[in-house]
Amino acid sequence: MGSARAALRSCVLGRSFFCAKVYAASWRRNLSVAPALKGDSGEKKTILVVEDEESLLKLETILLTSRGFEVIGATNGRIALELLEKEKVDLVLLDIMLPEIDGFEVCQRIKSNPETKKLPVIMLTAKKSQEDLARGNEVGADWYVTKPFKSAKVIEIIERLLL
């Protein structure tokens, strides 16, 4: 429990963090602790977090909900695409190495769909090669962040893309 608390503290304080392993399906979480960016009609901004590592998905959710965002989680690309058909989402935080459909393919499908092509996509991944960065650009990602990352930087990018 102490290490989880330290990881959470690092997340909230904006320090680097990296975590490990598997989650199961899609879910929604909304904890209000900070003022949220709001849409034109006054509702909270919703972020779809697509991450197959359970602890990292939880940390990203805690980080975003503590900043007042509503979070919908998906653990693979197929679930993410299904959720985008059903839910109103303002931004996608997308891992690349995912089961079933990888993040590059998910991003390409988002950007090729007329209904979601303007949806901001941030790729958040351990893939750091120039080829991966170029591929992220090719499929239309709005931003590319490599792990480990500074949570404050991710929040800054999210806020910039949502304004």
C-alpha atoms as a PDB file:
ATOM      1  CA  MET A   1       0.000   0.000   0.000  1.00  0.00           C
ATOM      2  CA  GLY A   2       2.880   2.370   0.734  1.00  0.00           C
ATOM      3  CA  SER A   3       4.263   2.077  -2.812  1.00  0.00           C
ATOM      4  CA  ALA A   4       0.822   2.712  -4.333  1.00  0.00           C
ATOM      5  CA  ARG A   5       0.466   5.787  -2.130  1.00  0.00           C
ATOM      6  CA  ALA A   6       3.926   7.001  -3.229  1.00  0.00           C
ATOM      7  CA  ALA A   7       2.994   6.472  -6.894  1.00  0.00           C
ATOM      8  CA  LEU A   8      -0.261   8.365  -6.394  1.00  0.00           C
ATOM      9  CA  ARG A   9       1.607  11.178  -4.616  1.00  0.00           C
ATOM     10  CA  SER A  10       4.074  11.366  -7.539  1.00  0.00           C
ATOM     11  CA  CYS A  11       1.183  11.432  -9.994  1.00  0.00           C
ATOM     12  CA  VAL A  12      -0.642  14.237  -8.223  1.00  0.00           C
ATOM     13  CA  LEU A  13       2.525  16.265  -7.659  1.00  0.00           C
ATOM     14  CA  GLY A  14       3.461  16.119 -11.334  1.00  0.00           C
ATOM     15  CA  ARG A  15       6.492  13.863 -11.057  1.00  0.00           C
ATOM     16  CA  SER A  16       7.413  11.111 -13.504  1.00  0.00           C
ATOM     17  CA  PHE A  17       5.796   7.739 -13.032  1.00  0.00           C
ATOM     18  CA  PHE A  18       5.504   4.408 -14.792  1.00  0.00           C
ATOM     19  CA  CYS A  19       3.509   1.359 -13.779  1.00  0.00           C
ATOM     20  CA  ALA A  20       2.435  -2.176 -14.713  1.00  0.00           C
ATOM     21  CA  LYS A  21      -0.246  -4.676 -15.877  1.00  0.00           C
ATOM     22  CA  VAL A  22      -3.724  -5.565 -17.169  1.00  0.00           C
ATOM     23  CA  TYR A  23      -7.326  -4.286 -16.710  1.00  0.00           C
ATOM     24  CA  ALA A  24     -10.523  -5.921 -17.950  1.00  0.00           C
ATOM     25  CA  ALA A  25     -13.189  -3.869 -19.743  1.00  0.00           C
ATOM     26  CA  SER A  26     -14.537  -0.376 -20.085  1.00  0.00           C
ATOM     27  CA  TRP A  27     -15.623   1.778 -17.159  1.00  0.00           C
ATOM     28  CA  ARG A  28     -16.374   5.374 -16.196  1.00  0.00           C
ATOM     29  CA  ARG A  29     -15.097   7.432 -13.291  1.00  0.00           C
ATOM     30  CA  ASN A  30     -15.895  10.956 -12.194  1.00  0.00           C
ATOM     31  CA  LEU A  31     -14.462  12.437  -9.003  1.00  0.00           C
ATOM     32  CA  SER A  32     -14.574  16.198  -8.643  1.00  0.00           C
ATOM     33  CA  VAL A  33     -11.695  17.695  -6.724  1.00  0.00           C
ATOM     34  CA  ALA A  34     -10.569  20.568  -8.953  1.00  0.00           C
ATOM     35  CA  PRO A  35     -12.363  22.948 -11.305  1.00  0.00           C
ATOM     36  CA  ALA A  36     -12.933  21.251 -14.648  1.00  0.00           C
ATOM     37  CA  LEU A  37     -12.685  22.580 -18.125  1.00  0.00           C
ATOM     38  CA  LYS A  38     -16.283  22.739 -19.270  1.00  0.00           C
ATOM     39  CA  GLY A  39     -17.916  22.512 -22.647  1.00  0.00           C
ATOM     40  CA  ASP A  40     -20.175  25.138 -24.204  1.00  0.00           C
ATOM     41  CA  SER A  41     -23.205  23.742 -22.374  1.00  0.00           C
ATOM     42  CA  GLY A  42     -21.389  23.712 -19.017  1.00  0.00           C
ATOM     43  CA  GLU A  43     -20.767  19.959 -18.718  1.00  0.00           C
ATOM     44  CA  LYS A  44     -17.393  18.562 -17.726  1.00  0.00           C
ATOM     45  CA  LYS A  45     -14.958  17.572 -20.439  1.00  0.00           C
ATOM     46  CA  THR A  46     -14.742  13.812 -20.926  1.00  0.00           C
ATOM     47  CA  ILE A  47     -11.496  12.028 -21.693  1.00  0.00           C
ATOM     48  CA  LEU A  48     -11.322   8.494 -23.048  1.00  0.00           C
ATOM     49  CA  VAL A  49      -8.205   6.829 -21.607  1.00  0.00           C
ATOM     50  CA  VAL A  50      -7.127   3.770 -23.586  1.00  0.00           C
ATOM     51  CA  GLU A  51      -4.504   1.821 -21.618  1.00  0.00           C
ATOM     52  CA  ASP A  52      -4.080  -1.927 -21.074  1.00  0.00           C
ATOM     53  CA  GLU A  53      -1.898  -1.664 -17.951  1.00  0.00           C
ATOM     54  CA  GLU A  54      -4.209  -1.604 -14.920  1.00  0.00           C
ATOM     55  CA  SER A  55      -2.083   0.452 -12.575  1.00  0.00           C
ATOM     56  CA  LEU A  56      -1.272   3.063 -15.205  1.00  0.00           C
ATOM     57  CA  LEU A  57      -4.940   3.304 -16.207  1.00  0.00           C
ATOM     58  CA  LYS A  58      -5.832   3.867 -12.551  1.00  0.00           C
ATOM     59  CA  LEU A  59      -3.125   6.513 -12.089  1.00  0.00           C
ATOM     60  CA  GLU A  60      -4.146   8.361 -15.252  1.00  0.00           C
ATOM     61  CA  THR A  61      -7.761   8.262 -14.065  1.00  0.00           C
ATOM     62  CA  ILE A  62      -6.833   9.638 -10.642  1.00  0.00           C
ATOM     63  CA  LEU A  63      -4.733  12.370 -12.254  1.00  0.00           C
ATOM     64  CA  LEU A  64      -7.505  13.437 -14.621  1.00  0.00           C
ATOM     65  CA  THR A  65     -10.420  13.189 -12.185  1.00  0.00           C
ATOM     66  CA  SER A  66      -8.428  15.167  -9.604  1.00  0.00           C
ATOM     67  CA  ARG A  67      -8.283  17.928 -12.234  1.00  0.00           C
ATOM     68  CA  GLY A  68     -12.071  17.779 -12.673  1.00  0.00           C
ATOM     69  CA  PHE A  69     -12.349  15.750 -15.860  1.00  0.00           C
ATOM     70  CA  GLU A  70     -14.745  12.873 -16.369  1.00  0.00           C
ATOM     71  CA  VAL A  71     -12.871   9.735 -17.454  1.00  0.00           C
ATOM     72  CA  ILE A  72     -14.000   6.746 -19.465  1.00  0.00           C
ATOM     73  CA  GLY A  73     -11.505   3.882 -19.512  1.00  0.00           C
ATOM     74  CA  ALA A  74     -10.895   1.226 -22.153  1.00  0.00           C
ATOM     75  CA  THR A  75      -8.347  -1.567 -22.032  1.00  0.00           C
ATOM     76  CA  ASN A  76      -8.016  -2.280 -25.746  1.00  0.00           C
ATOM     77  CA  GLY A  77      -8.552  -0.639 -29.106  1.00  0.00           C
ATOM     78  CA  ARG A  78     -11.763  -2.490 -29.941  1.00  0.00           C
ATOM     79  CA  ILE A  79     -13.468  -1.306 -26.742  1.00  0.00           C
ATOM     80  CA  ALA A  80     -12.219   2.244 -27.355  1.00  0.00           C
ATOM     81  CA  LEU A  81     -13.763   2.349 -30.829  1.00  0.00           C
ATOM     82  CA  GLU A  82     -17.050   0.919 -29.506  1.00  0.00           C
ATOM     83  CA  LEU A  83     -17.157   3.557 -26.762  1.00  0.00           C
ATOM     84  CA  LEU A  84     -16.541   6.345 -29.270  1.00  0.00           C
ATOM     85  CA  GLU A  85     -19.703   5.266 -31.104  1.00  0.00           C
ATOM     86  CA  LYS A  86     -21.775   5.496 -27.892  1.00  0.00           C
ATOM     87  CA  GLU A  87     -20.222   8.218 -25.744  1.00  0.00           C
ATOM     88  CA  LYS A  88     -19.546  11.921 -26.194  1.00  0.00           C
ATOM     89  CA  VAL A  89     -15.802  12.285 -25.702  1.00  0.00           C
ATOM     90  CA  ASP A  90     -13.764  15.496 -25.849  1.00  0.00           C
ATOM     91  CA  LEU A  91     -10.257  13.985 -26.055  1.00  0.00           C
ATOM     92  CA  VAL A  92      -8.580  10.568 -26.330  1.00  0.00           C
ATOM     93  CA  LEU A  93      -5.463   9.640 -24.342  1.00  0.00           C
ATOM     94  CA  LEU A  94      -4.213   6.606 -26.271  1.00  0.00           C
ATOM     95  CA  ASP A  95      -1.536   3.994 -25.661  1.00  0.00           C
ATOM     96  CA  ILE A  96      -0.041   2.364 -28.760  1.00  0.00           C
ATOM     97  CA  MET A  97       0.737  -1.155 -27.579  1.00  0.00           C
ATOM     98  CA  LEU A  98      -2.784  -2.491 -27.022  1.00  0.00           C
ATOM     99  CA  PRO A  99      -4.443  -5.882 -27.409  1.00  0.00           C
ATOM    100  CA  GLU A 100      -6.772  -6.516 -30.375  1.00  0.00           C
ATOM    101  CA  ILE A 101      -6.320  -3.192 -32.226  1.00  0.00           C
ATOM    102  CA  ASP A 102      -3.172  -1.136 -31.621  1.00  0.00           C
ATOM    103  CA  GLY A 103      -3.189   2.588 -30.920  1.00  0.00           C
ATOM    104  CA  PHE A 104      -1.955   3.554 -34.398  1.00  0.00           C
ATOM    105  CA  GLU A 105      -4.948   1.804 -35.974  1.00  0.00           C
ATOM    106  CA  VAL A 106      -7.355   3.298 -33.404  1.00  0.00           C
ATOM    107  CA  CYS A 107      -6.034   6.801 -34.120  1.00  0.00           C
ATOM    108  CA  GLN A 108      -6.247   6.265 -37.874  1.00  0.00           C
ATOM    109  CA  ARG A 109      -9.878   5.130 -37.564  1.00  0.00           C
ATOM    110  CA  ILE A 110     -10.736   8.103 -35.348  1.00  0.00           C
ATOM    111  CA  LYS A 111      -9.183  10.566 -37.775  1.00  0.00           C
ATOM    112  CA  SER A 112     -10.725   8.951 -40.883  1.00  0.00           C
ATOM    113  CA  ASN A 113     -14.260   8.999 -39.453  1.00  0.00           C
ATOM    114  CA  PRO A 114     -16.092  12.263 -40.323  1.00  0.00           C
ATOM    115  CA  GLU A 115     -17.837  12.212 -36.922  1.00  0.00           C
ATOM    116  CA  THR A 116     -14.620  11.953 -34.884  1.00  0.00           C
ATOM    117  CA  LYS A 117     -11.901  13.366 -37.146  1.00  0.00           C
ATOM    118  CA  LYS A 118     -11.632  16.610 -35.118  1.00  0.00           C
ATOM    119  CA  LEU A 119     -11.381  14.748 -31.805  1.00  0.00           C
ATOM    120  CA  PRO A 120      -7.962  15.482 -30.247  1.00  0.00           C
ATOM    121  CA  VAL A 121      -5.812  12.376 -29.767  1.00  0.00           C
ATOM    122  CA  ILE A 122      -2.752  12.280 -27.516  1.00  0.00           C
ATOM    123  CA  MET A 123      -0.619   9.187 -27.935  1.00  0.00           C
ATOM    124  CA  LEU A 124       0.911   8.268 -24.579  1.00  0.00           C
ATOM    125  CA  THR A 125       3.368   5.430 -25.073  1.00  0.00           C
ATOM    126  CA  ALA A 126       6.672   3.752 -24.318  1.00  0.00           C
ATOM    127  CA  LYS A 127       7.470   3.650 -28.063  1.00  0.00           C
ATOM    128  CA  LYS A 128      10.177   6.273 -28.577  1.00  0.00           C
ATOM    129  CA  SER A 129      11.749   5.582 -31.981  1.00  0.00           C
ATOM    130  CA  GLN A 130      11.703   8.139 -34.785  1.00  0.00           C
ATOM    131  CA  GLU A 131       9.689   5.645 -36.866  1.00  0.00           C
ATOM    132  CA  ASP A 132       7.014   5.484 -34.152  1.00  0.00           C
ATOM    133  CA  LEU A 133       6.886   9.274 -33.856  1.00  0.00           C
ATOM    134  CA  ALA A 134       6.553   9.551 -37.648  1.00  0.00           C
ATOM    135  CA  ARG A 135       3.820   6.895 -37.698  1.00  0.00           C
ATOM    136  CA  GLY A 136       1.932   8.765 -34.965  1.00  0.00           C
ATOM    137  CA  ASN A 137       2.063  11.865 -37.133  1.00  0.00           C
ATOM    138  CA  GLU A 138       0.942   9.896 -40.216  1.00  0.00           C
ATOM    139  CA  VAL A 139      -2.159   8.519 -38.488  1.00  0.00           C
ATOM    140  CA  GLY A 140      -3.138  11.996 -37.293  1.00  0.00           C
ATOM    141  CA  ALA A 141      -2.201  12.105 -33.598  1.00  0.00           C
ATOM    142  CA  ASP A 142      -2.387  15.646 -32.236  1.00  0.00           C
ATOM    143  CA  TRP A 143       0.394  15.038 -29.703  1.00  0.00           C
ATOM    144  CA  TYR A 144       2.878  12.269 -28.882  1.00  0.00           C
ATOM    145  CA  VAL A 145       4.110  11.801 -25.286  1.00  0.00           C
ATOM    146  CA  THR A 146       6.558   9.091 -24.257  1.00  0.00           C
ATOM    147  CA  LYS A 147       6.591   7.171 -20.963  1.00  0.00           C
ATOM    148  CA  PRO A 148       7.712   7.818 -18.347  1.00  0.00           C
ATOM    149  CA  PHE A 149       6.064  11.232 -18.476  1.00  0.00           C
ATOM    150  CA  LYS A 150       5.477  14.220 -16.236  1.00  0.00           C
ATOM    151  CA  SER A 151       1.811  14.358 -15.269  1.00  0.00           C
ATOM    152  CA  ALA A 152       1.858  18.171 -15.175  1.00  0.00           C
ATOM    153  CA  LYS A 153       3.035  18.217 -18.788  1.00  0.00           C
ATOM    154  CA  VAL A 154       0.220  15.862 -19.864  1.00  0.00           C
ATOM    155  CA  ILE A 155      -2.359  18.078 -18.117  1.00  0.00           C
ATOM    156  CA  GLU A 156      -0.880  21.139 -19.843  1.00  0.00           C
ATOM    157  CA  ILE A 157      -1.171  19.443 -23.258  1.00  0.00           C
ATOM    158  CA  ILE A 158      -4.750  18.315 -22.545  1.00  0.00           C
ATOM    159  CA  GLU A 159      -5.790  21.812 -21.502  1.00  0.00           C
ATOM    160  CA  ARG A 160      -4.122  23.324 -24.573  1.00  0.00           C
ATOM    161  CA  LEU A 161      -5.952  20.920 -26.906  1.00  0.00           C
ATOM    162  CA  LEU A 162      -9.322  21.423 -25.196  1.00  0.00           C
ATOM    163  CA  LEU A 163      -9.308  25.226 -25.189  1.00  0.00           C
END
